[in-house]
């Protein structure tokens, strides 16, 4: 259920649309400008008044938390769709992992300003944890994922992935994900690791 930042009451359709436009605009602004993105610029991008933005999101942190929740909702939806797909269990799980991380470096930097509990709560409330758990369980049952893997390993991946995105690039992030997946495989198969740009010495 969509709600305002300060109320549990359901939003009217027009208010819900405005909220969704603000979140979409904020993702673009943070991806482009990082933490320097300004609330009035986000309102302009969304086509709403600044007052409308602040009614939904009194602070920039509240807006970032909404972006985290929207991302978790999208990831949960992808996970549920994969559970309904006819992919092999490992392929479904690996596809879920490959599509779960934030791809934009600047946006990852902004999202990383939030405490861990923000991510934990959003992952549970969105149904993301349940979907990930079921995808992993199926891969373990058919012998393609190692039996001692836990769904709690995925947040470890995401924390590390955020650091890789902030400090390296998307190619390095893709390589990091493949190394993580190879570590979870039970059948000894290995993926082809993407290349990435080496960091240049700055001093």
N, C-alpha and C. Protein backbone atom coordinates (compact mmCIF):
# COMPACT_ATOMS: atom_id res chain seq x y z
N UNK A 1 0.84 -1.19 0.00
CA UNK A 1 0.00 0.00 0.00
C UNK A 1 0.88 1.24 0.00
N UNK A 2 0.61 2.19 -0.86
CA UNK A 2 1.37 3.42 -0.89
C UNK A 2 0.83 4.38 0.16
N UNK A 3 1.73 5.00 0.90
CA UNK A 3 1.34 5.95 1.92
C UNK A 3 2.23 7.16 1.84
N UNK A 4 1.83 8.23 2.52
CA UNK A 4 2.70 9.38 2.63
C UNK A 4 3.80 9.06 3.61
N UNK A 5 4.79 9.98 3.71
CA UNK A 5 5.89 9.75 4.63
C UNK A 5 5.46 9.89 6.07
N UNK A 6 4.33 10.55 6.35
CA UNK A 6 3.94 10.84 7.72
C UNK A 6 2.61 10.24 8.10
N UNK A 7 1.98 9.46 7.22
CA UNK A 7 0.65 8.93 7.52
C UNK A 7 0.51 7.55 6.95
N UNK A 8 -0.33 6.73 7.61
CA UNK A 8 -0.62 5.39 7.12
C UNK A 8 -1.88 5.36 6.28
N UNK A 9 -2.50 6.52 6.06
CA UNK A 9 -3.72 6.55 5.28
C UNK A 9 -3.40 6.32 3.79
N UNK A 10 -4.25 5.57 3.08
CA UNK A 10 -4.02 5.38 1.65
C UNK A 10 -4.06 6.71 0.91
N UNK A 11 -3.23 6.83 -0.11
CA UNK A 11 -3.19 8.05 -0.90
C UNK A 11 -4.28 8.06 -1.96
N UNK A 12 -4.80 9.25 -2.26
CA UNK A 12 -5.68 9.40 -3.40
C UNK A 12 -4.88 9.12 -4.66
N UNK A 13 -5.58 8.82 -5.74
CA UNK A 13 -4.90 8.46 -6.99
C UNK A 13 -3.97 9.57 -7.46
N UNK A 14 -4.43 10.83 -7.40
CA UNK A 14 -3.58 11.93 -7.88
C UNK A 14 -2.36 12.12 -6.98
N UNK A 15 -2.55 11.97 -5.66
CA UNK A 15 -1.42 12.09 -4.74
C UNK A 15 -0.43 10.95 -4.95
N UNK A 16 -0.95 9.75 -5.20
CA UNK A 16 -0.07 8.60 -5.46
C UNK A 16 0.75 8.82 -6.72
N UNK A 17 0.11 9.37 -7.77
CA UNK A 17 0.84 9.65 -9.01
C UNK A 17 1.94 10.68 -8.76
N UNK A 18 1.62 11.73 -8.00
CA UNK A 18 2.63 12.75 -7.70
C UNK A 18 3.80 12.14 -6.92
N UNK A 19 3.47 11.29 -5.97
CA UNK A 19 4.52 10.65 -5.18
C UNK A 19 5.43 9.81 -6.06
N UNK A 20 4.84 9.05 -6.96
CA UNK A 20 5.62 8.20 -7.86
C UNK A 20 6.48 9.03 -8.80
N UNK A 21 5.93 10.18 -9.27
CA UNK A 21 6.71 11.06 -10.14
C UNK A 21 7.89 11.66 -9.39
N UNK A 22 7.68 12.02 -8.14
CA UNK A 22 8.77 12.57 -7.34
C UNK A 22 9.87 11.53 -7.14
N UNK A 23 9.50 10.30 -6.82
CA UNK A 23 10.50 9.25 -6.61
C UNK A 23 11.30 9.00 -7.89
N UNK A 24 10.60 8.94 -9.03
CA UNK A 24 11.29 8.72 -10.30
C UNK A 24 12.24 9.88 -10.61
N UNK A 25 11.77 11.11 -10.38
CA UNK A 25 12.62 12.27 -10.63
C UNK A 25 13.81 12.30 -9.68
N UNK A 26 13.59 11.90 -8.44
CA UNK A 26 14.67 11.88 -7.46
C UNK A 26 15.74 10.87 -7.85
N UNK A 27 15.33 9.73 -8.34
CA UNK A 27 16.31 8.72 -8.76
C UNK A 27 17.19 9.30 -9.87
N UNK A 28 16.57 9.99 -10.83
CA UNK A 28 17.34 10.60 -11.91
C UNK A 28 18.28 11.68 -11.38
N UNK A 29 17.75 12.52 -10.49
CA UNK A 29 18.55 13.63 -9.96
C UNK A 29 19.73 13.13 -9.13
N UNK A 30 19.48 12.13 -8.28
CA UNK A 30 20.56 11.59 -7.47
C UNK A 30 21.58 10.86 -8.33
N UNK A 31 21.10 10.17 -9.37
CA UNK A 31 22.03 9.48 -10.27
C UNK A 31 22.91 10.47 -11.01
N UNK A 32 22.37 11.64 -11.30
CA UNK A 32 23.12 12.66 -12.03
C UNK A 32 24.00 13.52 -11.12
N UNK A 33 23.48 13.87 -9.94
CA UNK A 33 24.15 14.85 -9.08
C UNK A 33 24.63 14.30 -7.75
N UNK A 34 24.29 13.06 -7.44
CA UNK A 34 24.66 12.50 -6.14
C UNK A 34 23.95 13.22 -5.01
N UNK A 35 24.64 13.32 -3.87
CA UNK A 35 24.02 13.93 -2.69
C UNK A 35 23.82 15.43 -2.85
N UNK A 36 24.39 16.03 -3.90
CA UNK A 36 24.23 17.47 -4.12
C UNK A 36 22.88 17.80 -4.77
N UNK A 37 22.12 16.81 -5.16
CA UNK A 37 20.80 17.07 -5.78
C UNK A 37 19.94 17.89 -4.82
N UNK A 38 19.27 18.90 -5.36
CA UNK A 38 18.46 19.80 -4.55
C UNK A 38 16.98 19.44 -4.66
N UNK A 39 16.26 19.64 -3.57
CA UNK A 39 14.84 19.28 -3.54
C UNK A 39 14.03 20.09 -4.55
N UNK A 40 14.35 21.38 -4.73
CA UNK A 40 13.57 22.18 -5.68
C UNK A 40 13.81 21.71 -7.11
N UNK A 41 15.04 21.22 -7.40
CA UNK A 41 15.32 20.68 -8.73
C UNK A 41 14.54 19.38 -8.94
N UNK A 42 14.46 18.56 -7.89
CA UNK A 42 13.69 17.31 -7.99
C UNK A 42 12.22 17.61 -8.25
N UNK A 43 11.68 18.61 -7.55
CA UNK A 43 10.28 19.00 -7.77
C UNK A 43 10.08 19.46 -9.21
N UNK A 44 11.02 20.24 -9.73
CA UNK A 44 10.90 20.72 -11.11
C UNK A 44 10.93 19.55 -12.09
N UNK A 45 11.83 18.62 -11.88
CA UNK A 45 11.92 17.45 -12.76
C UNK A 45 10.62 16.63 -12.73
N UNK A 46 10.02 16.57 -11.53
CA UNK A 46 8.79 15.78 -11.37
C UNK A 46 7.56 16.52 -11.88
N UNK A 47 7.69 17.84 -12.11
CA UNK A 47 6.54 18.61 -12.57
C UNK A 47 5.54 18.88 -11.46
N UNK A 48 6.03 18.98 -10.23
CA UNK A 48 5.16 19.28 -9.09
C UNK A 48 5.72 20.48 -8.34
N UNK A 49 4.90 21.09 -7.50
CA UNK A 49 5.38 22.18 -6.68
C UNK A 49 6.26 21.69 -5.55
N UNK A 50 7.13 22.57 -5.06
CA UNK A 50 8.00 22.21 -3.95
C UNK A 50 7.17 21.83 -2.73
N UNK A 51 6.05 22.52 -2.52
CA UNK A 51 5.19 22.19 -1.39
C UNK A 51 4.65 20.78 -1.48
N UNK A 52 4.30 20.35 -2.69
CA UNK A 52 3.81 18.98 -2.90
C UNK A 52 4.90 17.98 -2.55
N UNK A 53 6.12 18.28 -2.98
CA UNK A 53 7.23 17.37 -2.67
C UNK A 53 7.41 17.24 -1.16
N UNK A 54 7.42 18.38 -0.46
CA UNK A 54 7.66 18.33 0.99
C UNK A 54 6.51 17.71 1.76
N UNK A 55 5.31 17.76 1.21
CA UNK A 55 4.21 17.07 1.89
C UNK A 55 4.42 15.56 1.91
N UNK A 56 4.99 15.06 0.84
CA UNK A 56 5.27 13.62 0.77
C UNK A 56 6.57 13.27 1.48
N UNK A 57 7.59 14.13 1.32
CA UNK A 57 8.92 13.83 1.82
C UNK A 57 9.48 15.06 2.52
N UNK A 58 9.31 15.15 3.82
CA UNK A 58 9.74 16.34 4.56
C UNK A 58 11.25 16.59 4.51
N UNK A 59 12.04 15.55 4.30
CA UNK A 59 13.49 15.68 4.27
C UNK A 59 14.06 14.89 3.09
N UNK A 60 15.31 15.19 2.77
CA UNK A 60 15.98 14.44 1.71
C UNK A 60 16.16 12.98 2.11
N UNK A 61 16.42 12.75 3.39
CA UNK A 61 16.56 11.36 3.87
C UNK A 61 15.27 10.58 3.66
N UNK A 62 14.12 11.23 3.90
CA UNK A 62 12.85 10.55 3.69
C UNK A 62 12.68 10.17 2.23
N UNK A 63 13.15 11.02 1.34
CA UNK A 63 13.07 10.74 -0.09
C UNK A 63 14.00 9.59 -0.46
N UNK A 64 15.20 9.57 0.10
CA UNK A 64 16.13 8.47 -0.19
C UNK A 64 15.57 7.15 0.33
N UNK A 65 14.93 7.18 1.52
CA UNK A 65 14.31 5.95 2.04
C UNK A 65 13.22 5.46 1.10
N UNK A 66 12.48 6.38 0.51
CA UNK A 66 11.44 5.99 -0.45
C UNK A 66 12.05 5.36 -1.69
N UNK A 67 13.21 5.85 -2.11
CA UNK A 67 13.90 5.26 -3.26
C UNK A 67 14.35 3.84 -2.92
N UNK A 68 14.87 3.67 -1.71
CA UNK A 68 15.26 2.32 -1.28
C UNK A 68 14.06 1.38 -1.33
N UNK A 69 12.92 1.83 -0.79
CA UNK A 69 11.73 0.98 -0.77
C UNK A 69 11.25 0.69 -2.19
N UNK A 70 11.26 1.70 -3.06
CA UNK A 70 10.84 1.47 -4.45
C UNK A 70 11.74 0.45 -5.12
N UNK A 71 13.04 0.54 -4.85
CA UNK A 71 13.98 -0.42 -5.43
C UNK A 71 13.71 -1.83 -4.91
N UNK A 72 13.43 -1.93 -3.63
CA UNK A 72 13.13 -3.24 -3.04
C UNK A 72 11.83 -3.80 -3.61
N UNK A 73 10.82 -2.94 -3.78
CA UNK A 73 9.56 -3.38 -4.37
C UNK A 73 9.78 -3.94 -5.77
N UNK A 74 10.60 -3.24 -6.57
CA UNK A 74 10.88 -3.70 -7.93
C UNK A 74 11.64 -5.02 -7.92
N UNK A 75 12.61 -5.14 -7.04
CA UNK A 75 13.38 -6.38 -6.95
C UNK A 75 12.50 -7.54 -6.50
N UNK A 76 11.60 -7.27 -5.55
CA UNK A 76 10.69 -8.31 -5.08
C UNK A 76 9.78 -8.77 -6.21
N UNK A 77 9.29 -7.83 -7.01
CA UNK A 77 8.42 -8.18 -8.13
C UNK A 77 9.17 -9.04 -9.15
N UNK A 78 10.45 -8.70 -9.40
CA UNK A 78 11.25 -9.51 -10.32
C UNK A 78 11.46 -10.91 -9.74
N UNK A 79 11.69 -10.98 -8.44
CA UNK A 79 11.87 -12.28 -7.81
C UNK A 79 10.64 -13.15 -7.92
N UNK A 80 9.47 -12.56 -7.67
CA UNK A 80 8.21 -13.33 -7.77
C UNK A 80 7.97 -13.78 -9.21
N UNK A 81 8.31 -12.91 -10.18
CA UNK A 81 8.15 -13.29 -11.58
C UNK A 81 9.06 -14.46 -11.94
N UNK A 82 10.28 -14.46 -11.41
CA UNK A 82 11.21 -15.56 -11.68
C UNK A 82 10.73 -16.87 -11.07
N UNK A 83 10.04 -16.77 -9.94
CA UNK A 83 9.48 -17.98 -9.33
C UNK A 83 8.40 -18.61 -10.20
N UNK A 84 7.76 -17.79 -11.02
CA UNK A 84 6.72 -18.28 -11.91
C UNK A 84 7.28 -18.68 -13.28
N UNK A 85 8.53 -18.37 -13.53
CA UNK A 85 9.14 -18.66 -14.82
C UNK A 85 9.54 -20.14 -14.90
N UNK A 86 9.89 -20.58 -16.10
CA UNK A 86 10.28 -21.99 -16.26
C UNK A 86 11.80 -22.15 -16.35
N UNK A 87 12.54 -21.17 -15.88
CA UNK A 87 13.99 -21.28 -15.84
C UNK A 87 14.42 -22.36 -14.86
N UNK A 88 15.59 -22.93 -15.11
CA UNK A 88 16.18 -23.86 -14.14
C UNK A 88 16.41 -23.10 -12.84
N UNK A 89 16.34 -23.78 -11.69
CA UNK A 89 16.46 -23.08 -10.40
C UNK A 89 17.70 -22.21 -10.28
N UNK A 90 18.87 -22.74 -10.70
CA UNK A 90 20.08 -21.90 -10.60
C UNK A 90 19.98 -20.68 -11.49
N UNK A 91 19.50 -20.85 -12.71
CA UNK A 91 19.40 -19.72 -13.63
C UNK A 91 18.45 -18.65 -13.10
N UNK A 92 17.37 -19.09 -12.47
CA UNK A 92 16.42 -18.13 -11.89
C UNK A 92 17.08 -17.37 -10.74
N UNK A 93 17.78 -18.07 -9.87
CA UNK A 93 18.45 -17.43 -8.74
C UNK A 93 19.54 -16.48 -9.22
N UNK A 94 20.35 -16.93 -10.18
CA UNK A 94 21.44 -16.09 -10.69
C UNK A 94 20.90 -14.85 -11.39
N UNK A 95 19.83 -15.01 -12.14
CA UNK A 95 19.21 -13.85 -12.80
C UNK A 95 18.72 -12.85 -11.77
N UNK A 96 18.12 -13.35 -10.70
CA UNK A 96 17.65 -12.47 -9.62
C UNK A 96 18.81 -11.67 -9.02
N UNK A 97 19.91 -12.33 -8.74
CA UNK A 97 21.07 -11.66 -8.15
C UNK A 97 21.63 -10.62 -9.11
N UNK A 98 21.73 -10.98 -10.38
CA UNK A 98 22.33 -10.05 -11.35
C UNK A 98 21.49 -8.79 -11.55
N UNK A 99 20.20 -8.87 -11.30
CA UNK A 99 19.34 -7.71 -11.54
C UNK A 99 18.96 -6.98 -10.25
N UNK A 100 19.47 -7.43 -9.11
CA UNK A 100 19.03 -6.87 -7.83
C UNK A 100 19.79 -5.62 -7.42
N UNK A 101 21.01 -5.43 -7.91
CA UNK A 101 21.83 -4.32 -7.44
C UNK A 101 21.54 -3.01 -8.15
N UNK A 102 21.77 -1.90 -7.44
CA UNK A 102 21.67 -0.59 -8.06
C UNK A 102 22.82 -0.44 -9.05
N UNK A 103 22.50 0.03 -10.26
CA UNK A 103 23.51 0.07 -11.31
C UNK A 103 24.25 1.39 -11.39
N UNK A 104 23.65 2.46 -10.91
CA UNK A 104 24.27 3.76 -11.08
C UNK A 104 25.13 4.11 -9.88
N UNK A 105 26.38 4.52 -10.15
CA UNK A 105 27.33 4.77 -9.09
C UNK A 105 26.89 5.91 -8.17
N UNK A 106 26.45 7.02 -8.75
CA UNK A 106 26.05 8.17 -7.94
C UNK A 106 24.83 7.84 -7.09
N UNK A 107 23.87 7.13 -7.68
CA UNK A 107 22.69 6.74 -6.92
C UNK A 107 23.08 5.79 -5.79
N UNK A 108 24.01 4.88 -6.05
CA UNK A 108 24.48 3.96 -5.01
C UNK A 108 25.10 4.74 -3.86
N UNK A 109 25.82 5.82 -4.17
CA UNK A 109 26.42 6.63 -3.12
C UNK A 109 25.35 7.26 -2.23
N UNK A 110 24.29 7.75 -2.85
CA UNK A 110 23.22 8.38 -2.09
C UNK A 110 22.52 7.34 -1.21
N UNK A 111 22.18 6.21 -1.79
CA UNK A 111 21.48 5.16 -1.05
C UNK A 111 22.33 4.67 0.12
N UNK A 112 23.65 4.67 -0.05
CA UNK A 112 24.54 4.18 1.00
C UNK A 112 24.55 5.08 2.23
N UNK A 113 23.95 6.26 2.15
CA UNK A 113 23.88 7.13 3.32
C UNK A 113 22.87 6.63 4.35
N UNK A 114 22.05 5.67 3.97
CA UNK A 114 21.01 5.18 4.87
C UNK A 114 21.55 4.08 5.79
N UNK A 115 21.03 4.00 7.02
CA UNK A 115 21.46 2.93 7.92
C UNK A 115 20.99 1.57 7.43
N UNK A 116 21.68 0.53 7.87
CA UNK A 116 21.38 -0.83 7.41
C UNK A 116 19.94 -1.22 7.69
N UNK A 117 19.38 -0.76 8.80
CA UNK A 117 18.02 -1.15 9.15
C UNK A 117 17.01 -0.68 8.12
N UNK A 118 17.31 0.42 7.42
CA UNK A 118 16.43 0.89 6.35
C UNK A 118 16.29 -0.17 5.27
N UNK A 119 17.40 -0.79 4.91
CA UNK A 119 17.38 -1.82 3.88
C UNK A 119 16.73 -3.10 4.38
N UNK A 120 17.00 -3.45 5.63
CA UNK A 120 16.42 -4.67 6.20
C UNK A 120 14.90 -4.55 6.25
N UNK A 121 14.40 -3.44 6.76
CA UNK A 121 12.96 -3.25 6.86
C UNK A 121 12.30 -3.25 5.48
N UNK A 122 12.91 -2.53 4.53
CA UNK A 122 12.33 -2.46 3.19
C UNK A 122 12.34 -3.81 2.50
N UNK A 123 13.40 -4.59 2.70
CA UNK A 123 13.49 -5.91 2.07
C UNK A 123 12.43 -6.85 2.62
N UNK A 124 12.20 -6.79 3.92
CA UNK A 124 11.18 -7.66 4.52
C UNK A 124 9.78 -7.21 4.13
N UNK A 125 9.51 -5.91 4.25
CA UNK A 125 8.16 -5.40 4.01
C UNK A 125 7.74 -5.56 2.55
N UNK A 126 8.68 -5.47 1.64
CA UNK A 126 8.36 -5.57 0.21
C UNK A 126 8.13 -7.00 -0.26
N UNK A 127 8.54 -7.98 0.55
CA UNK A 127 8.46 -9.38 0.13
C UNK A 127 9.72 -9.85 -0.57
N UNK A 128 10.75 -8.99 -0.61
CA UNK A 128 11.99 -9.35 -1.29
C UNK A 128 12.68 -10.52 -0.60
N UNK A 129 12.72 -10.51 0.72
CA UNK A 129 13.38 -11.59 1.45
C UNK A 129 12.70 -12.92 1.16
N UNK A 130 11.37 -12.93 1.17
CA UNK A 130 10.64 -14.18 0.93
C UNK A 130 10.92 -14.71 -0.48
N UNK A 131 10.94 -13.83 -1.47
CA UNK A 131 11.21 -14.26 -2.85
C UNK A 131 12.62 -14.80 -2.98
N UNK A 132 13.59 -14.09 -2.40
CA UNK A 132 14.98 -14.52 -2.49
C UNK A 132 15.17 -15.87 -1.79
N UNK A 133 14.53 -16.03 -0.65
CA UNK A 133 14.64 -17.27 0.11
C UNK A 133 14.12 -18.45 -0.71
N UNK A 134 13.01 -18.27 -1.39
CA UNK A 134 12.43 -19.35 -2.17
C UNK A 134 13.28 -19.67 -3.39
N UNK A 135 13.82 -18.65 -4.05
CA UNK A 135 14.70 -18.89 -5.20
C UNK A 135 15.94 -19.66 -4.78
N UNK A 136 16.52 -19.29 -3.65
CA UNK A 136 17.71 -19.99 -3.16
C UNK A 136 17.36 -21.42 -2.76
N UNK A 137 16.23 -21.60 -2.08
CA UNK A 137 15.82 -22.94 -1.64
C UNK A 137 15.68 -23.88 -2.82
N UNK A 138 15.07 -23.41 -3.90
CA UNK A 138 14.89 -24.27 -5.07
C UNK A 138 16.23 -24.65 -5.68
N UNK A 139 17.17 -23.70 -5.73
CA UNK A 139 18.49 -24.00 -6.29
C UNK A 139 19.24 -24.98 -5.40
N UNK A 140 19.03 -24.90 -4.10
CA UNK A 140 19.66 -25.87 -3.19
C UNK A 140 19.04 -27.25 -3.33
N UNK A 141 17.74 -27.29 -3.49
CA UNK A 141 17.06 -28.58 -3.59
C UNK A 141 17.47 -29.35 -4.84
N UNK A 142 17.79 -28.64 -5.93
CA UNK A 142 18.19 -29.38 -7.14
C UNK A 142 19.70 -29.55 -7.22
N UNK A 143 20.41 -29.13 -6.16
CA UNK A 143 21.85 -29.41 -6.07
C UNK A 143 22.73 -28.40 -6.78
N UNK A 144 22.18 -27.32 -7.31
CA UNK A 144 23.00 -26.36 -8.03
C UNK A 144 23.58 -25.28 -7.12
N UNK A 145 22.98 -25.03 -5.96
CA UNK A 145 23.50 -24.07 -5.00
C UNK A 145 24.01 -24.81 -3.77
N UNK A 146 25.08 -24.33 -3.20
CA UNK A 146 25.66 -25.02 -2.04
C UNK A 146 24.66 -25.02 -0.88
N UNK A 147 24.60 -26.10 -0.13
CA UNK A 147 23.56 -26.26 0.90
C UNK A 147 23.74 -25.34 2.10
N UNK A 148 24.95 -24.82 2.31
CA UNK A 148 25.17 -23.97 3.48
C UNK A 148 24.97 -22.49 3.17
N UNK A 149 24.57 -22.16 1.94
CA UNK A 149 24.27 -20.76 1.60
C UNK A 149 23.01 -20.32 2.32
N UNK A 150 22.94 -19.05 2.68
CA UNK A 150 21.78 -18.50 3.39
C UNK A 150 21.30 -17.25 2.66
N UNK A 151 20.04 -16.95 2.80
CA UNK A 151 19.51 -15.74 2.19
C UNK A 151 20.19 -14.51 2.77
N UNK A 152 20.70 -14.62 4.00
CA UNK A 152 21.42 -13.50 4.62
C UNK A 152 22.74 -13.19 3.92
N UNK A 153 23.21 -14.11 3.06
CA UNK A 153 24.42 -13.82 2.30
C UNK A 153 24.17 -12.73 1.25
N UNK A 154 22.93 -12.59 0.81
CA UNK A 154 22.62 -11.62 -0.25
C UNK A 154 22.85 -10.19 0.20
N UNK A 155 22.41 -9.78 1.42
CA UNK A 155 22.74 -8.42 1.86
C UNK A 155 24.24 -8.16 1.94
N UNK A 156 25.03 -9.21 2.25
CA UNK A 156 26.49 -9.04 2.25
C UNK A 156 26.97 -8.68 0.85
N UNK A 157 26.40 -9.35 -0.15
CA UNK A 157 26.73 -9.04 -1.53
C UNK A 157 26.37 -7.59 -1.85
N UNK A 158 25.16 -7.18 -1.46
CA UNK A 158 24.68 -5.85 -1.83
C UNK A 158 25.51 -4.75 -1.17
N UNK A 159 25.93 -4.97 0.09
CA UNK A 159 26.78 -3.99 0.75
C UNK A 159 28.10 -3.84 0.01
N UNK A 160 28.69 -4.97 -0.33
CA UNK A 160 29.94 -4.93 -1.08
C UNK A 160 29.76 -4.35 -2.46
N UNK A 161 28.63 -4.67 -3.09
CA UNK A 161 28.35 -4.17 -4.43
C UNK A 161 28.26 -2.65 -4.43
N UNK A 162 27.63 -2.10 -3.40
CA UNK A 162 27.55 -0.64 -3.31
C UNK A 162 28.93 -0.01 -3.24
N UNK A 163 29.84 -0.63 -2.47
CA UNK A 163 31.20 -0.11 -2.37
C UNK A 163 31.93 -0.20 -3.71
N UNK A 164 31.73 -1.31 -4.42
CA UNK A 164 32.36 -1.47 -5.73
C UNK A 164 31.84 -0.41 -6.70
N UNK A 165 30.54 -0.19 -6.70
CA UNK A 165 29.96 0.82 -7.58
C UNK A 165 30.49 2.22 -7.25
N UNK A 166 30.62 2.52 -5.97
CA UNK A 166 31.08 3.85 -5.58
C UNK A 166 32.53 4.08 -5.95
N UNK A 167 33.34 3.03 -5.89
CA UNK A 167 34.79 3.21 -6.03
C UNK A 167 35.36 2.74 -7.37
N UNK A 168 34.59 1.91 -8.12
CA UNK A 168 35.09 1.39 -9.36
C UNK A 168 34.13 1.76 -10.48
N UNK A 169 33.49 0.79 -11.09
CA UNK A 169 32.53 1.09 -12.15
C UNK A 169 31.58 -0.09 -12.31
N UNK A 170 30.65 0.02 -13.27
CA UNK A 170 29.65 -1.03 -13.43
C UNK A 170 30.25 -2.33 -13.93
N UNK A 171 31.30 -2.26 -14.72
CA UNK A 171 31.96 -3.49 -15.17
C UNK A 171 32.56 -4.24 -13.99
N UNK A 172 33.17 -3.49 -13.06
CA UNK A 172 33.72 -4.12 -11.86
C UNK A 172 32.60 -4.72 -11.01
N UNK A 173 31.45 -4.04 -10.97
CA UNK A 173 30.32 -4.56 -10.20
C UNK A 173 29.81 -5.87 -10.79
N UNK A 174 29.75 -5.94 -12.12
CA UNK A 174 29.32 -7.19 -12.75
C UNK A 174 30.31 -8.33 -12.46
N UNK A 175 31.60 -8.02 -12.47
CA UNK A 175 32.60 -9.04 -12.15
C UNK A 175 32.43 -9.50 -10.70
N UNK A 176 32.19 -8.57 -9.80
CA UNK A 176 31.99 -8.88 -8.38
C UNK A 176 30.79 -9.81 -8.20
N UNK A 177 29.70 -9.54 -8.91
CA UNK A 177 28.51 -10.39 -8.81
C UNK A 177 28.82 -11.80 -9.30
N UNK A 178 29.55 -11.93 -10.40
CA UNK A 178 29.86 -13.26 -10.92
C UNK A 178 30.76 -14.03 -9.96
N UNK A 179 31.70 -13.35 -9.33
CA UNK A 179 32.54 -14.02 -8.33
C UNK A 179 31.69 -14.50 -7.15
N UNK A 180 30.73 -13.68 -6.74
CA UNK A 180 29.83 -14.07 -5.65
C UNK A 180 29.01 -15.30 -6.05
N UNK A 181 28.46 -15.29 -7.25
CA UNK A 181 27.66 -16.41 -7.70
C UNK A 181 28.49 -17.68 -7.81
N UNK A 182 29.72 -17.56 -8.30
CA UNK A 182 30.58 -18.73 -8.40
C UNK A 182 30.83 -19.33 -7.01
N UNK A 183 30.91 -18.47 -6.00
CA UNK A 183 31.11 -18.95 -4.64
C UNK A 183 29.92 -19.70 -4.08
N UNK A 184 28.73 -19.47 -4.63
CA UNK A 184 27.52 -20.13 -4.16
C UNK A 184 27.19 -21.40 -4.93
N UNK A 185 27.85 -21.62 -6.05
CA UNK A 185 27.55 -22.80 -6.85
C UNK A 185 28.04 -24.07 -6.17
N UNK A 186 27.26 -25.11 -6.30
CA UNK A 186 27.64 -26.40 -5.71
C UNK A 186 28.23 -27.35 -6.74
N UNK A 187 28.07 -27.03 -8.03
CA UNK A 187 28.47 -27.97 -9.07
C UNK A 187 29.85 -27.70 -9.64
N UNK A 188 30.56 -26.69 -9.11
CA UNK A 188 31.92 -26.42 -9.56
C UNK A 188 32.01 -25.65 -10.86
N UNK A 189 30.89 -25.36 -11.50
CA UNK A 189 30.93 -24.61 -12.75
C UNK A 189 31.30 -23.16 -12.46
N UNK A 190 31.94 -22.52 -13.41
CA UNK A 190 32.38 -21.15 -13.25
C UNK A 190 31.91 -20.30 -14.43
N UNK A 191 31.55 -19.08 -14.15
CA UNK A 191 31.11 -18.17 -15.20
C UNK A 191 32.31 -17.43 -15.79
N UNK A 192 32.11 -16.85 -16.95
CA UNK A 192 33.15 -16.01 -17.55
C UNK A 192 33.13 -14.66 -16.86
N UNK A 193 34.26 -14.25 -16.33
CA UNK A 193 34.31 -13.00 -15.56
C UNK A 193 34.45 -11.80 -16.49
N UNK A 194 33.58 -10.81 -16.35
CA UNK A 194 33.71 -9.59 -17.16
C UNK A 194 35.00 -8.85 -16.80
N UNK A 195 35.59 -8.17 -17.78
CA UNK A 195 36.77 -7.35 -17.53
C UNK A 195 36.32 -6.02 -16.93
N UNK A 196 37.25 -5.29 -16.33
CA UNK A 196 36.91 -3.98 -15.80
C UNK A 196 38.15 -3.10 -15.80
N UNK A 197 37.93 -1.81 -15.66
CA UNK A 197 39.01 -0.84 -15.73
C UNK A 197 39.74 -0.78 -14.40
N UNK A 198 41.07 -0.88 -14.44
CA UNK A 198 41.87 -0.78 -13.23
C UNK A 198 41.89 0.66 -12.75
N UNK A 199 41.77 0.85 -11.44
CA UNK A 199 41.84 2.21 -10.89
C UNK A 199 43.22 2.80 -11.12
N UNK A 200 43.24 4.08 -11.46
CA UNK A 200 44.52 4.76 -11.70
C UNK A 200 45.02 5.38 -10.40
N UNK A 201 46.33 5.34 -10.23
CA UNK A 201 46.94 5.96 -9.05
C UNK A 201 46.71 7.47 -9.09
N UNK A 202 46.30 8.06 -7.96
CA UNK A 202 45.99 9.49 -7.94
C UNK A 202 47.09 10.31 -7.27
N UNK A 203 48.10 9.67 -6.71
CA UNK A 203 49.17 10.42 -6.05
C UNK A 203 50.53 9.97 -6.58
